Amino acid sequence: VCLTCCSRESMVRINQICHKNGIKFFTGDVFGYHGYMFADLGDHEFVEEKPKVAKVTTGVEDGPEAKRARLDPAETTMVKKRLEFCPLRDALAVEWRGEKATAALRRTAPDYFLLQ
């Protein structure tokens, strides 16, 4: 489900229905030079391709070369990952005061508060 130009209450209500039923949900809007986008993919599994780490040669027993892992760009391995997305209501209910919020405040663009 993709929503644009909706009220906050409508977005939260529709997202709750989607989240409960395992339906992927996207919402966003643009206001001049500012905009936002929110995605709730629920319980999302995907595969990521990563370069394979080459094994260290046994000829070098000591020193930095023996400890440094090397990446072989020619060979890759597939890694299965899983992410659990939060509903819009939970994202909007973040408490911005306290010690836990300090790190989140540093990572949050000031535009977020302007859009709120």
PDB file of N, CA and C in Angstrom:
ATOM      1  N   VAL A   1       0.862  -1.171   0.000  1.00  0.00           N
ATOM      2  CA  VAL A   1       0.000   0.000   0.000  1.00  0.00           C
ATOM      3  C   VAL A   1       0.901   1.224   0.000  1.00  0.00           C
ATOM      4  N   CYS A   2       0.613   2.186  -0.887  1.00  0.00           N
ATOM      5  CA  CYS A   2       1.359   3.443  -0.961  1.00  0.00           C
ATOM      6  C   CYS A   2       0.391   4.602  -0.726  1.00  0.00           C
ATOM      7  N   LEU A   3       0.728   5.474   0.224  1.00  0.00           N
ATOM      8  CA  LEU A   3      -0.114   6.632   0.531  1.00  0.00           C
ATOM      9  C   LEU A   3       0.661   7.919   0.330  1.00  0.00           C
ATOM     10  N   THR A   4      -0.011   8.938  -0.207  1.00  0.00           N
ATOM     11  CA  THR A   4       0.532  10.295  -0.261  1.00  0.00           C
ATOM     12  C   THR A   4      -0.606  11.259   0.047  1.00  0.00           C
ATOM     13  N   CYS A   5      -0.248  12.448   0.492  1.00  0.00           N
ATOM     14  CA  CYS A   5      -1.217  13.516   0.746  1.00  0.00           C
ATOM     15  C   CYS A   5      -2.335  13.080   1.701  1.00  0.00           C
ATOM     16  N   CYS A   6      -2.013  12.313   2.732  1.00  0.00           N
ATOM     17  CA  CYS A   6      -3.015  11.852   3.702  1.00  0.00           C
ATOM     18  C   CYS A   6      -2.773  12.507   5.058  1.00  0.00           C
ATOM     19  N   SER A   7      -3.805  12.540   5.861  1.00  0.00           N
ATOM     20  CA  SER A   7      -3.649  13.064   7.220  1.00  0.00           C
ATOM     21  C   SER A   7      -2.849  12.055   8.042  1.00  0.00           C
ATOM     22  N   ARG A   8      -2.252  12.539   9.117  1.00  0.00           N
ATOM     23  CA  ARG A   8      -1.468  11.689   9.999  1.00  0.00           C
ATOM     24  C   ARG A   8      -2.333  10.555  10.568  1.00  0.00           C
ATOM     25  N   GLU A   9      -3.561  10.880  10.961  1.00  0.00           N
ATOM     26  CA  GLU A   9      -4.460   9.882  11.539  1.00  0.00           C
ATOM     27  C   GLU A   9      -4.771   8.777  10.524  1.00  0.00           C
ATOM     28  N   SER A  10      -5.001   9.149   9.268  1.00  0.00           N
ATOM     29  CA  SER A  10      -5.281   8.156   8.223  1.00  0.00           C
ATOM     30  C   SER A  10      -4.069   7.260   7.988  1.00  0.00           C
ATOM     31  N   MET A  11      -2.887   7.862   7.952  1.00  0.00           N
ATOM     32  CA  MET A  11      -1.675   7.065   7.730  1.00  0.00           C
ATOM     33  C   MET A  11      -1.482   6.054   8.853  1.00  0.00           C
ATOM     34  N   VAL A  12      -1.643   6.483  10.107  1.00  0.00           N
ATOM     35  CA  VAL A  12      -1.456   5.587  11.246  1.00  0.00           C
ATOM     36  C   VAL A  12      -2.492   4.470  11.215  1.00  0.00           C
ATOM     37  N   ARG A  13      -3.746   4.798  10.950  1.00  0.00           N
ATOM     38  CA  ARG A  13      -4.828   3.798  10.935  1.00  0.00           C
ATOM     39  C   ARG A  13      -4.604   2.768   9.824  1.00  0.00           C
ATOM     40  N   ILE A  14      -4.281   3.229   8.619  1.00  0.00           N
ATOM     41  CA  ILE A  14      -4.062   2.305   7.495  1.00  0.00           C
ATOM     42  C   ILE A  14      -2.816   1.465   7.720  1.00  0.00           C
ATOM     43  N   ASN A  15      -1.763   2.068   8.294  1.00  0.00           N
ATOM     44  CA  ASN A  15      -0.552   1.309   8.587  1.00  0.00           C
ATOM     45  C   ASN A  15      -0.809   0.227   9.632  1.00  0.00           C
ATOM     46  N   GLN A  16      -1.622   0.500  10.625  1.00  0.00           N
ATOM     47  CA  GLN A  16      -1.945  -0.523  11.629  1.00  0.00           C
ATOM     48  C   GLN A  16      -2.620  -1.725  10.979  1.00  0.00           C
ATOM     49  N   ILE A  17      -3.530  -1.477  10.067  1.00  0.00           N
ATOM     50  CA  ILE A  17      -4.222  -2.558   9.356  1.00  0.00           C
ATOM     51  C   ILE A  17      -3.219  -3.355   8.511  1.00  0.00           C
ATOM     52  N   CYS A  18      -2.368  -2.638   7.784  1.00  0.00           N
ATOM     53  CA  CYS A  18      -1.360  -3.312   6.945  1.00  0.00           C
ATOM     54  C   CYS A  18      -0.390  -4.126   7.793  1.00  0.00           C
ATOM     55  N   HIS A  19       0.114  -3.534   8.871  1.00  0.00           N
ATOM     56  CA  HIS A  19       1.100  -4.212   9.728  1.00  0.00           C
ATOM     57  C   HIS A  19       0.504  -5.484  10.326  1.00  0.00           C
ATOM     58  N   LYS A  20      -0.736  -5.413  10.767  1.00  0.00           N
ATOM     59  CA  LYS A  20      -1.413  -6.559  11.380  1.00  0.00           C
ATOM     60  C   LYS A  20      -1.593  -7.695  10.371  1.00  0.00           C
ATOM     61  N   ASN A  21      -1.796  -7.356   9.094  1.00  0.00           N
ATOM     62  CA  ASN A  21      -2.050  -8.358   8.063  1.00  0.00           C
ATOM     63  C   ASN A  21      -0.835  -8.702   7.206  1.00  0.00           C
ATOM     64  N   GLY A  22       0.335  -8.211   7.586  1.00  0.00           N
ATOM     65  CA  GLY A  22       1.562  -8.538   6.858  1.00  0.00           C
ATOM     66  C   GLY A  22       1.657  -7.906   5.484  1.00  0.00           C
ATOM     67  N   ILE A  23       1.015  -6.743   5.297  1.00  0.00           N
ATOM     68  CA  ILE A  23       1.035  -6.031   4.013  1.00  0.00           C
ATOM     69  C   ILE A  23       2.075  -4.921   4.090  1.00  0.00           C
ATOM     70  N   LYS A  24       2.928  -4.838   3.091  1.00  0.00           N
ATOM     71  CA  LYS A  24       3.962  -3.797   3.069  1.00  0.00           C
ATOM     72  C   LYS A  24       3.311  -2.429   2.884  1.00  0.00           C
ATOM     73  N   PHE A  25       3.884  -1.405   3.544  1.00  0.00           N
ATOM     74  CA  PHE A  25       3.257  -0.092   3.602  1.00  0.00           C
ATOM     75  C   PHE A  25       4.304   0.994   3.366  1.00  0.00           C
ATOM     76  N   PHE A  26       3.974   1.945   2.492  1.00  0.00           N
ATOM     77  CA  PHE A  26       4.823   3.098   2.212  1.00  0.00           C
ATOM     78  C   PHE A  26       3.972   4.357   2.269  1.00  0.00           C
ATOM     79  N   THR A  27       4.518   5.418   2.829  1.00  0.00           N
ATOM     80  CA  THR A  27       3.831   6.701   2.805  1.00  0.00           C
ATOM     81  C   THR A  27       4.867   7.806   2.670  1.00  0.00           C
ATOM     82  N   GLY A  28       4.461   8.914   2.107  1.00  0.00           N
ATOM     83  CA  GLY A  28       5.371  10.037   1.946  1.00  0.00           C
ATOM     84  C   GLY A  28       4.645  11.252   1.420  1.00  0.00           C
ATOM     85  N   ASP A  29       5.334  12.368   1.426  1.00  0.00           N
ATOM     86  CA  ASP A  29       4.782  13.611   0.905  1.00  0.00           C
ATOM     87  C   ASP A  29       5.931  14.594   0.695  1.00  0.00           C
ATOM     88  N   VAL A  30       5.665  15.618  -0.073  1.00  0.00           N
ATOM     89  CA  VAL A  30       6.663  16.651  -0.358  1.00  0.00           C
ATOM     90  C   VAL A  30       6.035  18.008  -0.104  1.00  0.00           C
ATOM     91  N   PHE A  31       6.797  18.885   0.560  1.00  0.00           N
ATOM     92  CA  PHE A  31       6.369  20.244   0.845  1.00  0.00           C
ATOM     93  C   PHE A  31       7.463  21.185   0.357  1.00  0.00           C
ATOM     94  N   GLY A  32       7.418  21.583  -0.891  1.00  0.00           N
ATOM     95  CA  GLY A  32       8.467  22.444  -1.441  1.00  0.00           C
ATOM     96  C   GLY A  32       9.783  21.697  -1.499  1.00  0.00           C
ATOM     97  N   TYR A  33      10.789  22.194  -0.772  1.00  0.00           N
ATOM     98  CA  TYR A  33      12.111  21.560  -0.750  1.00  0.00           C
ATOM     99  C   TYR A  33      12.210  20.452   0.292  1.00  0.00           C
ATOM    100  N   HIS A  34      11.207  20.265   1.113  1.00  0.00           N
ATOM    101  CA  HIS A  34      11.243  19.272   2.179  1.00  0.00           C
ATOM    102  C   HIS A  34      10.240  18.160   1.892  1.00  0.00           C
ATOM    103  N   GLY A  35      10.556  16.992   2.384  1.00  0.00           N
ATOM    104  CA  GLY A  35       9.656  15.860   2.206  1.00  0.00           C
ATOM    105  C   GLY A  35      10.024  14.741   3.156  1.00  0.00           C
ATOM    106  N   TYR A  36       9.214  13.703   3.143  1.00  0.00           N
ATOM    107  CA  TYR A  36       9.493  12.545   3.984  1.00  0.00           C
ATOM    108  C   TYR A  36       8.999  11.284   3.277  1.00  0.00           C
ATOM    109  N   MET A  37       9.506  10.150   3.750  1.00  0.00           N
ATOM    110  CA  MET A  37       9.082   8.847   3.272  1.00  0.00           C
ATOM    111  C   MET A  37       9.198   7.881   4.444  1.00  0.00           C
ATOM    112  N   PHE A  38       8.196   7.046   4.623  1.00  0.00           N
ATOM    113  CA  PHE A  38       8.208   6.040   5.676  1.00  0.00           C
ATOM    114  C   PHE A  38       7.872   4.694   5.049  1.00  0.00           C
ATOM    115  N   ALA A  39       8.583   3.663   5.454  1.00  0.00           N
ATOM    116  CA  ALA A  39       8.332   2.304   4.956  1.00  0.00           C
ATOM    117  C   ALA A  39       8.171   1.356   6.132  1.00  0.00           C
ATOM    118  N   ASP A  40       7.121   0.555   6.106  1.00  0.00           N
ATOM    119  CA  ASP A  40       6.906  -0.520   7.074  1.00  0.00           C
ATOM    120  C   ASP A  40       6.788  -1.803   6.267  1.00  0.00           C
ATOM    121  N   LEU A  41       7.879  -2.563   6.231  1.00  0.00           N
ATOM    122  CA  LEU A  41       7.900  -3.809   5.473  1.00  0.00           C
ATOM    123  C   LEU A  41       7.625  -5.007   6.372  1.00  0.00           C
ATOM    124  N   GLY A  42       7.221  -4.727   7.623  1.00  0.00           N
ATOM    125  CA  GLY A  42       6.903  -5.813   8.547  1.00  0.00           C
ATOM    126  C   GLY A  42       8.127  -6.652   8.838  1.00  0.00           C
ATOM    127  N   ASP A  43       7.978  -7.957   8.761  1.00  0.00           N
ATOM    128  CA  ASP A  43       9.072  -8.896   8.953  1.00  0.00           C
ATOM    129  C   ASP A  43       9.655  -9.172   7.578  1.00  0.00           C
ATOM    130  N   HIS A  44      10.800  -8.565   7.274  1.00  0.00           N
ATOM    131  CA  HIS A  44      11.331  -8.568   5.909  1.00  0.00           C
ATOM    132  C   HIS A  44      12.615  -9.394   5.843  1.00  0.00           C
ATOM    133  N   GLU A  45      12.618 -10.413   4.982  1.00  0.00           N
ATOM    134  CA  GLU A  45      13.820 -11.230   4.753  1.00  0.00           C
ATOM    135  C   GLU A  45      14.360 -10.940   3.362  1.00  0.00           C
ATOM    136  N   PHE A  46      15.684 -10.866   3.262  1.00  0.00           N
ATOM    137  CA  PHE A  46      16.316 -10.596   1.979  1.00  0.00           C
ATOM    138  C   PHE A  46      17.690 -11.236   1.955  1.00  0.00           C
ATOM    139  N   VAL A  47      18.272 -11.296   0.764  1.00  0.00           N
ATOM    140  CA  VAL A  47      19.604 -11.864   0.585  1.00  0.00           C
ATOM    141  C   VAL A  47      20.532 -10.760   0.109  1.00  0.00           C
ATOM    142  N   GLU A  48      21.703 -10.689   0.735  1.00  0.00           N
ATOM    143  CA  GLU A  48      22.691  -9.663   0.381  1.00  0.00           C
ATOM    144  C   GLU A  48      23.948 -10.361  -0.139  1.00  0.00           C
ATOM    145  N   GLU A  49      24.468  -9.839  -1.230  1.00  0.00           N
ATOM    146  CA  GLU A  49      25.682 -10.400  -1.818  1.00  0.00           C
ATOM    147  C   GLU A  49      26.883  -9.662  -1.237  1.00  0.00           C
ATOM    148  N   LYS A  50      27.841 -10.427  -0.671  1.00  0.00           N
ATOM    149  CA  LYS A  50      29.027  -9.833  -0.054  1.00  0.00           C
ATOM    150  C   LYS A  50      30.280 -10.474  -0.645  1.00  0.00           C
ATOM    151  N   PRO A  51      31.384  -9.697  -0.715  1.00  0.00           N
ATOM    152  CA  PRO A  51      32.640 -10.290  -1.184  1.00  0.00           C
ATOM    153  C   PRO A  51      33.114 -11.372  -0.214  1.00  0.00           C
ATOM    154  N   LYS A  52      33.647 -12.436  -0.765  1.00  0.00           N
ATOM    155  CA  LYS A  52      34.118 -13.550   0.055  1.00  0.00           C
ATOM    156  C   LYS A  52      35.458 -13.183   0.680  1.00  0.00           C
ATOM    157  N   VAL A  53      35.637 -13.518   1.951  1.00  0.00           N
ATOM    158  CA  VAL A  53      36.898 -13.250   2.649  1.00  0.00           C
ATOM    159  C   VAL A  53      37.854 -14.384   2.333  1.00  0.00           C
ATOM    160  N   ALA A  54      39.021 -14.019   1.780  1.00  0.00           N
ATOM    161  CA  ALA A  54      40.024 -15.023   1.435  1.00  0.00           C
ATOM    162  C   ALA A  54      40.734 -15.489   2.692  1.00  0.00           C
ATOM    163  N   LYS A  55      41.102 -16.758   2.710  1.00  0.00           N
ATOM    164  CA  LYS A  55      41.827 -17.305   3.865  1.00  0.00           C
ATOM    165  C   LYS A  55      43.270 -16.826   3.829  1.00  0.00           C
ATOM    166  N   VAL A  56      43.825 -16.625   5.026  1.00  0.00           N
ATOM    167  CA  VAL A  56      45.211 -16.176   5.141  1.00  0.00           C
ATOM    168  C   VAL A  56      46.138 -17.336   4.793  1.00  0.00           C
ATOM    169  N   THR A  57      47.207 -17.039   4.050  1.00  0.00           N
ATOM    170  CA  THR A  57      48.160 -18.087   3.667  1.00  0.00           C
ATOM    171  C   THR A  57      48.898 -18.580   4.897  1.00  0.00           C
ATOM    172  N   THR A  58      49.223 -19.861   4.911  1.00  0.00           N
ATOM    173  CA  THR A  58      49.905 -20.445   6.066  1.00  0.00           C
ATOM    174  C   THR A  58      51.397 -20.177   6.048  1.00  0.00           C
ATOM    175  N   GLY A  59      51.949 -19.644   4.963  1.00  0.00           N
ATOM    176  CA  GLY A  59      53.379 -19.360   4.879  1.00  0.00           C
ATOM    177  C   GLY A  59      53.802 -18.241   5.817  1.00  0.00           C
ATOM    178  N   VAL A  60      52.941 -17.289   6.068  1.00  0.00           N
ATOM    179  CA  VAL A  60      53.256 -16.172   6.969  1.00  0.00           C
ATOM    180  C   VAL A  60      52.605 -16.485   8.310  1.00  0.00           C
ATOM    181  N   GLU A  61      53.434 -16.697   9.351  1.00  0.00           N
ATOM    182  CA  GLU A  61      52.901 -17.100  10.638  1.00  0.00           C
ATOM    183  C   GLU A  61      52.704 -15.940  11.600  1.00  0.00           C
ATOM    184  N   ASP A  62      53.430 -14.852  11.405  1.00  0.00           N
ATOM    185  CA  ASP A  62      53.365 -13.762  12.369  1.00  0.00           C
ATOM    186  C   ASP A  62      53.351 -12.434  11.631  1.00  0.00           C
ATOM    187  N   GLY A  63      52.934 -11.403  12.296  1.00  0.00           N
ATOM    188  CA  GLY A  63      52.938 -10.076  11.706  1.00  0.00           C
ATOM    189  C   GLY A  63      51.559  -9.646  11.269  1.00  0.00           C
ATOM    190  N   PRO A  64      51.479  -8.413  10.793  1.00  0.00           N
ATOM    191  CA  PRO A  64      50.169  -7.864  10.434  1.00  0.00           C
ATOM    192  C   PRO A  64      49.530  -8.563   9.243  1.00  0.00           C
ATOM    193  N   GLU A  65      50.328  -9.090   8.318  1.00  0.00           N
ATOM    194  CA  GLU A  65      49.777  -9.767   7.146  1.00  0.00           C
ATOM    195  C   GLU A  65      48.998 -11.021   7.543  1.00  0.00           C
ATOM    196  N   ALA A  66      49.456 -11.711   8.571  1.00  0.00           N
ATOM    197  CA  ALA A  66      48.791 -12.942   8.999  1.00  0.00           C
ATOM    198  C   ALA A  66      47.430 -12.646   9.619  1.00  0.00           C
ATOM    199  N   LYS A  67      47.304 -11.478  10.222  1.00  0.00           N
ATOM    200  CA  LYS A  67      46.060 -11.132  10.919  1.00  0.00           C
ATOM    201  C   LYS A  67      45.056 -10.424  10.018  1.00  0.00           C
ATOM    202  N   ARG A  68      45.499  -9.862   8.925  1.00  0.00           N
ATOM    203  CA  ARG A  68      44.627  -9.080   8.052  1.00  0.00           C
ATOM    204  C   ARG A  68      43.885  -9.996   7.087  1.00  0.00           C
ATOM    205  N   ALA A  69      42.555  -9.958   7.144  1.00  0.00           N
ATOM    206  CA  ALA A  69      41.748 -10.734   6.202  1.00  0.00           C
ATOM    207  C   ALA A  69      41.695  -9.982   4.885  1.00  0.00           C
ATOM    208  N   ARG A  70      41.735 -10.718   3.810  1.00  0.00           N
ATOM    209  CA  ARG A  70      41.695 -10.081   2.489  1.00  0.00           C
ATOM    210  C   ARG A  70      40.386 -10.399   1.800  1.00  0.00           C
ATOM    211  N   LEU A  71      39.848  -9.413   1.092  1.00  0.00           N
ATOM    212  CA  LEU A  71      38.615  -9.606   0.341  1.00  0.00           C
ATOM    213  C   LEU A  71      38.960  -9.968  -1.091  1.00  0.00           C
ATOM    214  N   ASP A  72      38.287 -10.975  -1.597  1.00  0.00           N
ATOM    215  CA  ASP A  72      38.466 -11.390  -2.977  1.00  0.00           C
ATOM    216  C   ASP A  72      37.254 -10.895  -3.762  1.00  0.00           C
ATOM    217  N   PRO A  73      37.415  -9.800  -4.540  1.00  0.00           N
ATOM    218  CA  PRO A  73      36.255  -9.239  -5.235  1.00  0.00           C
ATOM    219  C   PRO A  73      35.681 -10.153  -6.315  1.00  0.00           C
ATOM    220  N   ALA A  74      36.469 -11.140  -6.766  1.00  0.00           N
ATOM    221  CA  ALA A  74      35.980 -12.037  -7.810  1.00  0.00           C
ATOM    222  C   ALA A  74      34.965 -13.032  -7.247  1.00  0.00           C
ATOM    223  N   GLU A  75      35.101 -13.407  -5.982  1.00  0.00           N
ATOM    224  CA  GLU A  75      34.202 -14.378  -5.381  1.00  0.00           C
ATOM    225  C   GLU A  75      33.261 -13.678  -4.407  1.00  0.00           C
ATOM    226  N   THR A  76      32.001 -14.065  -4.451  1.00  0.00           N
ATOM    227  CA  THR A  76      31.020 -13.500  -3.525  1.00  0.00           C
ATOM    228  C   THR A  76      30.258 -14.615  -2.833  1.00  0.00           C
ATOM    229  N   THR A  77      29.651 -14.261  -1.733  1.00  0.00           N
ATOM    230  CA  THR A  77      28.809 -15.197  -1.000  1.00  0.00           C
ATOM    231  C   THR A  77      27.473 -14.511  -0.713  1.00  0.00           C
ATOM    232  N   MET A  78      26.429 -15.293  -0.632  1.00  0.00           N
ATOM    233  CA  MET A  78      25.104 -14.756  -0.368  1.00  0.00           C
ATOM    234  C   MET A  78      24.803 -14.909   1.123  1.00  0.00           C
ATOM    235  N   VAL A  79      24.375 -13.807   1.747  1.00  0.00           N
ATOM    236  CA  VAL A  79      24.071 -13.804   3.174  1.00  0.00           C
ATOM    237  C   VAL A  79      22.594 -13.478   3.349  1.00  0.00           C
ATOM    238  N   LYS A  80      21.872 -14.354   4.030  1.00  0.00           N
ATOM    239  CA  LYS A  80      20.450 -14.134   4.284  1.00  0.00           C
ATOM    240  C   LYS A  80      20.307 -13.250   5.515  1.00  0.00           C
ATOM    241  N   LYS A  81      19.492 -12.203   5.404  1.00  0.00           N
ATOM    242  CA  LYS A  81      19.286 -11.270   6.508  1.00  0.00           C
ATOM    243  C   LYS A  81      17.800 -11.090   6.768  1.00  0.00           C
ATOM    244  N   ARG A  82      17.481 -10.621   7.957  1.00  0.00           N
ATOM    245  CA  ARG A  82      16.095 -10.407   8.364  1.00  0.00           C
ATOM    246  C   ARG A  82      16.013  -9.101   9.140  1.00  0.00           C
ATOM    247  N   LEU A  83      15.046  -8.264   8.789  1.00  0.00           N
ATOM    248  CA  LEU A  83      14.795  -7.007   9.487  1.00  0.00           C
ATOM    249  C   LEU A  83      13.339  -6.972   9.918  1.00  0.00           C
ATOM    250  N   GLU A  84      13.104  -6.404  11.083  1.00  0.00           N
ATOM    251  CA  GLU A  84      11.733  -6.231  11.555  1.00  0.00           C
ATOM    252  C   GLU A  84      11.455  -4.734  11.631  1.00  0.00           C
ATOM    253  N   PHE A  85      10.527  -4.259  10.795  1.00  0.00           N
ATOM    254  CA  PHE A  85      10.188  -2.845  10.731  1.00  0.00           C
ATOM    255  C   PHE A  85       9.122  -2.517  11.775  1.00  0.00           C
ATOM    256  N   CYS A  86       9.168  -1.306  12.294  1.00  0.00           N
ATOM    257  CA  CYS A  86       8.174  -0.886  13.277  1.00  0.00           C
ATOM    258  C   CYS A  86       7.019  -0.169  12.582  1.00  0.00           C
ATOM    259  N   PRO A  87       5.844  -0.187  13.198  1.00  0.00           N
ATOM    260  CA  PRO A  87       4.703   0.542  12.632  1.00  0.00           C
ATOM    261  C   PRO A  87       4.906   2.057  12.749  1.00  0.00           C
ATOM    262  N   LEU A  88       4.182   2.804  11.938  1.00  0.00           N
ATOM    263  CA  LEU A  88       4.276   4.266  11.929  1.00  0.00           C
ATOM    264  C   LEU A  88       3.957   4.851  13.301  1.00  0.00           C
ATOM    265  N   ARG A  89       2.960   4.314  13.979  1.00  0.00           N
ATOM    266  CA  ARG A  89       2.588   4.823  15.302  1.00  0.00           C
ATOM    267  C   ARG A  89       3.775   4.774  16.265  1.00  0.00           C
ATOM    268  N   ASP A  90       4.539   3.670  16.242  1.00  0.00           N
ATOM    269  CA  ASP A  90       5.708   3.543  17.116  1.00  0.00           C
ATOM    270  C   ASP A  90       6.805   4.526  16.713  1.00  0.00           C
ATOM    271  N   ALA A  91       6.990   4.733  15.423  1.00  0.00           N
ATOM    272  CA  ALA A  91       8.019   5.659  14.955  1.00  0.00           C
ATOM    273  C   ALA A  91       7.704   7.098  15.355  1.00  0.00           C
ATOM    274  N   LEU A  92       6.428   7.444  15.334  1.00  0.00           N
ATOM    275  CA  LEU A  92       6.027   8.799  15.709  1.00  0.00           C
ATOM    276  C   LEU A  92       6.015   9.017  17.220  1.00  0.00           C
ATOM    277  N   ALA A  93       6.010   7.933  17.994  1.00  0.00           N
ATOM    278  CA  ALA A  93       5.933   8.032  19.449  1.00  0.00           C
ATOM    279  C   ALA A  93       7.298   8.047  20.125  1.00  0.00           C
ATOM    280  N   VAL A  94       8.363   8.262  19.377  1.00  0.00           N
ATOM    281  CA  VAL A  94       9.708   8.275  19.947  1.00  0.00           C
ATOM    282  C   VAL A  94       9.817   9.414  20.960  1.00  0.00           C
ATOM    283  N   GLU A  95      10.390   9.097  22.115  1.00  0.00           N
ATOM    284  CA  GLU A  95      10.614  10.104  23.152  1.00  0.00           C
ATOM    285  C   GLU A  95      11.963  10.768  22.875  1.00  0.00           C
ATOM    286  N   TRP A  96      11.963  12.067  22.677  1.00  0.00           N
ATOM    287  CA  TRP A  96      13.170  12.798  22.287  1.00  0.00           C
ATOM    288  C   TRP A  96      13.920  13.384  23.469  1.00  0.00           C
ATOM    289  N   ARG A  97      13.500  13.079  24.690  1.00  0.00           N
ATOM    290  CA  ARG A  97      14.208  13.551  25.893  1.00  0.00           C
ATOM    291  C   ARG A  97      14.875  12.356  26.550  1.00  0.00           C
ATOM    292  N   GLY A  98      15.968  12.620  27.225  1.00  0.00           N
ATOM    293  CA  GLY A  98      16.656  11.561  27.955  1.00  0.00           C
ATOM    294  C   GLY A  98      17.942  11.142  27.280  1.00  0.00           C
ATOM    295  N   GLU A  99      18.667  10.260  27.983  1.00  0.00           N
ATOM    296  CA  GLU A  99      19.979   9.823  27.503  1.00  0.00           C
ATOM    297  C   GLU A  99      19.895   8.963  26.242  1.00  0.00           C
ATOM    298  N   LYS A 100      18.871   8.116  26.157  1.00  0.00           N
ATOM    299  CA  LYS A 100      18.750   7.238  24.987  1.00  0.00           C
ATOM    300  C   LYS A 100      18.530   8.032  23.708  1.00  0.00           C
ATOM    301  N   ALA A 101      17.876   9.178  23.815  1.00  0.00           N
ATOM    302  CA  ALA A 101      17.537   9.970  22.635  1.00  0.00           C
ATOM    303  C   ALA A 101      18.726  10.773  22.110  1.00  0.00           C
ATOM    304  N   THR A 102      19.760  10.945  22.900  1.00  0.00           N
ATOM    305  CA  THR A 102      20.899  11.769  22.484  1.00  0.00           C
ATOM    306  C   THR A 102      21.522  11.266  21.185  1.00  0.00           C
ATOM    307  N   ALA A 103      21.779   9.972  21.094  1.00  0.00           N
ATOM    308  CA  ALA A 103      22.377   9.408  19.876  1.00  0.00           C
ATOM    309  C   ALA A 103      21.413   9.523  18.701  1.00  0.00           C
ATOM    310  N   ALA A 104      20.130   9.287  18.943  1.00  0.00           N
ATOM    311  CA  ALA A 104      19.134   9.383  17.869  1.00  0.00           C
ATOM    312  C   ALA A 104      19.018  10.817  17.369  1.00  0.00           C
ATOM    313  N   LEU A 105      19.131  11.780  18.258  1.00  0.00           N
ATOM    314  CA  LEU A 105      19.057  13.191  17.863  1.00  0.00           C
ATOM    315  C   LEU A 105      20.197  13.559  16.918  1.00  0.00           C
ATOM    316  N   ARG A 106      21.382  13.005  17.167  1.00  0.00           N
ATOM    317  CA  ARG A 106      22.533  13.299  16.304  1.00  0.00           C
ATOM    318  C   ARG A 106      22.336  12.738  14.895  1.00  0.00           C
ATOM    319  N   ARG A 107      21.623  11.599  14.787  1.00  0.00           N
ATOM    320  CA  ARG A 107      21.416  10.965  13.484  1.00  0.00           C
ATOM    321  C   ARG A 107      20.184  11.484  12.759  1.00  0.00           C
ATOM    322  N   THR A 108      19.354  12.273  13.415  1.00  0.00           N
ATOM    323  CA  THR A 108      18.104  12.742  12.827  1.00  0.00           C
ATOM    324  C   THR A 108      18.287  14.119  12.209  1.00  0.00           C
ATOM    325  N   ALA A 109      17.889  14.243  10.965  1.00  0.00           N
ATOM    326  CA  ALA A 109      18.003  15.527  10.263  1.00  0.00           C
ATOM    327  C   ALA A 109      17.040  16.543  10.895  1.00  0.00           C
ATOM    328  N   PRO A 110      17.443  17.801  10.983  1.00  0.00           N
ATOM    329  CA  PRO A 110      16.555  18.832  11.542  1.00  0.00           C
ATOM    330  C   PRO A 110      15.237  18.953  10.772  1.00  0.00           C
ATOM    331  N   ASP A 111      15.236  18.562   9.502  1.00  0.00           N
ATOM    332  CA  ASP A 111      14.014  18.627   8.694  1.00  0.00           C
ATOM    333  C   ASP A 111      12.898  17.758   9.292  1.00  0.00           C
ATOM    334  N   TYR A 112      13.277  16.679   9.986  1.00  0.00           N
ATOM    335  CA  TYR A 112      12.274  15.816  10.597  1.00  0.00           C
ATOM    336  C   TYR A 112      11.379  16.612  11.550  1.00  0.00           C
ATOM    337  N   PHE A 113      11.989  17.450  12.355  1.00  0.00           N
ATOM    338  CA  PHE A 113      11.227  18.224  13.334  1.00  0.00           C
ATOM    339  C   PHE A 113      10.431  19.328  12.650  1.00  0.00           C
ATOM    340  N   LEU A 114      10.945  19.836  11.564  1.00  0.00           N
ATOM    341  CA  LEU A 114      10.206  20.831  10.784  1.00  0.00           C
ATOM    342  C   LEU A 114       8.916  20.210  10.221  1.00  0.00           C
ATOM    343  N   LEU A 115       9.005  18.996   9.730  1.00  0.00           N
ATOM    344  CA  LEU A 115       7.840  18.316   9.172  1.00  0.00           C
ATOM    345  C   LEU A 115       6.834  17.931  10.246  1.00  0.00           C
ATOM    346  N   GLN A 116       7.301  17.728  11.474  1.00  0.00           N
ATOM    347  CA  GLN A 116       6.386  17.396  12.564  1.00  0.00           C
ATOM    348  C   GLN A 116       5.519  18.592  12.902  1.00  0.00           C
TER     349      GLN A 116
END
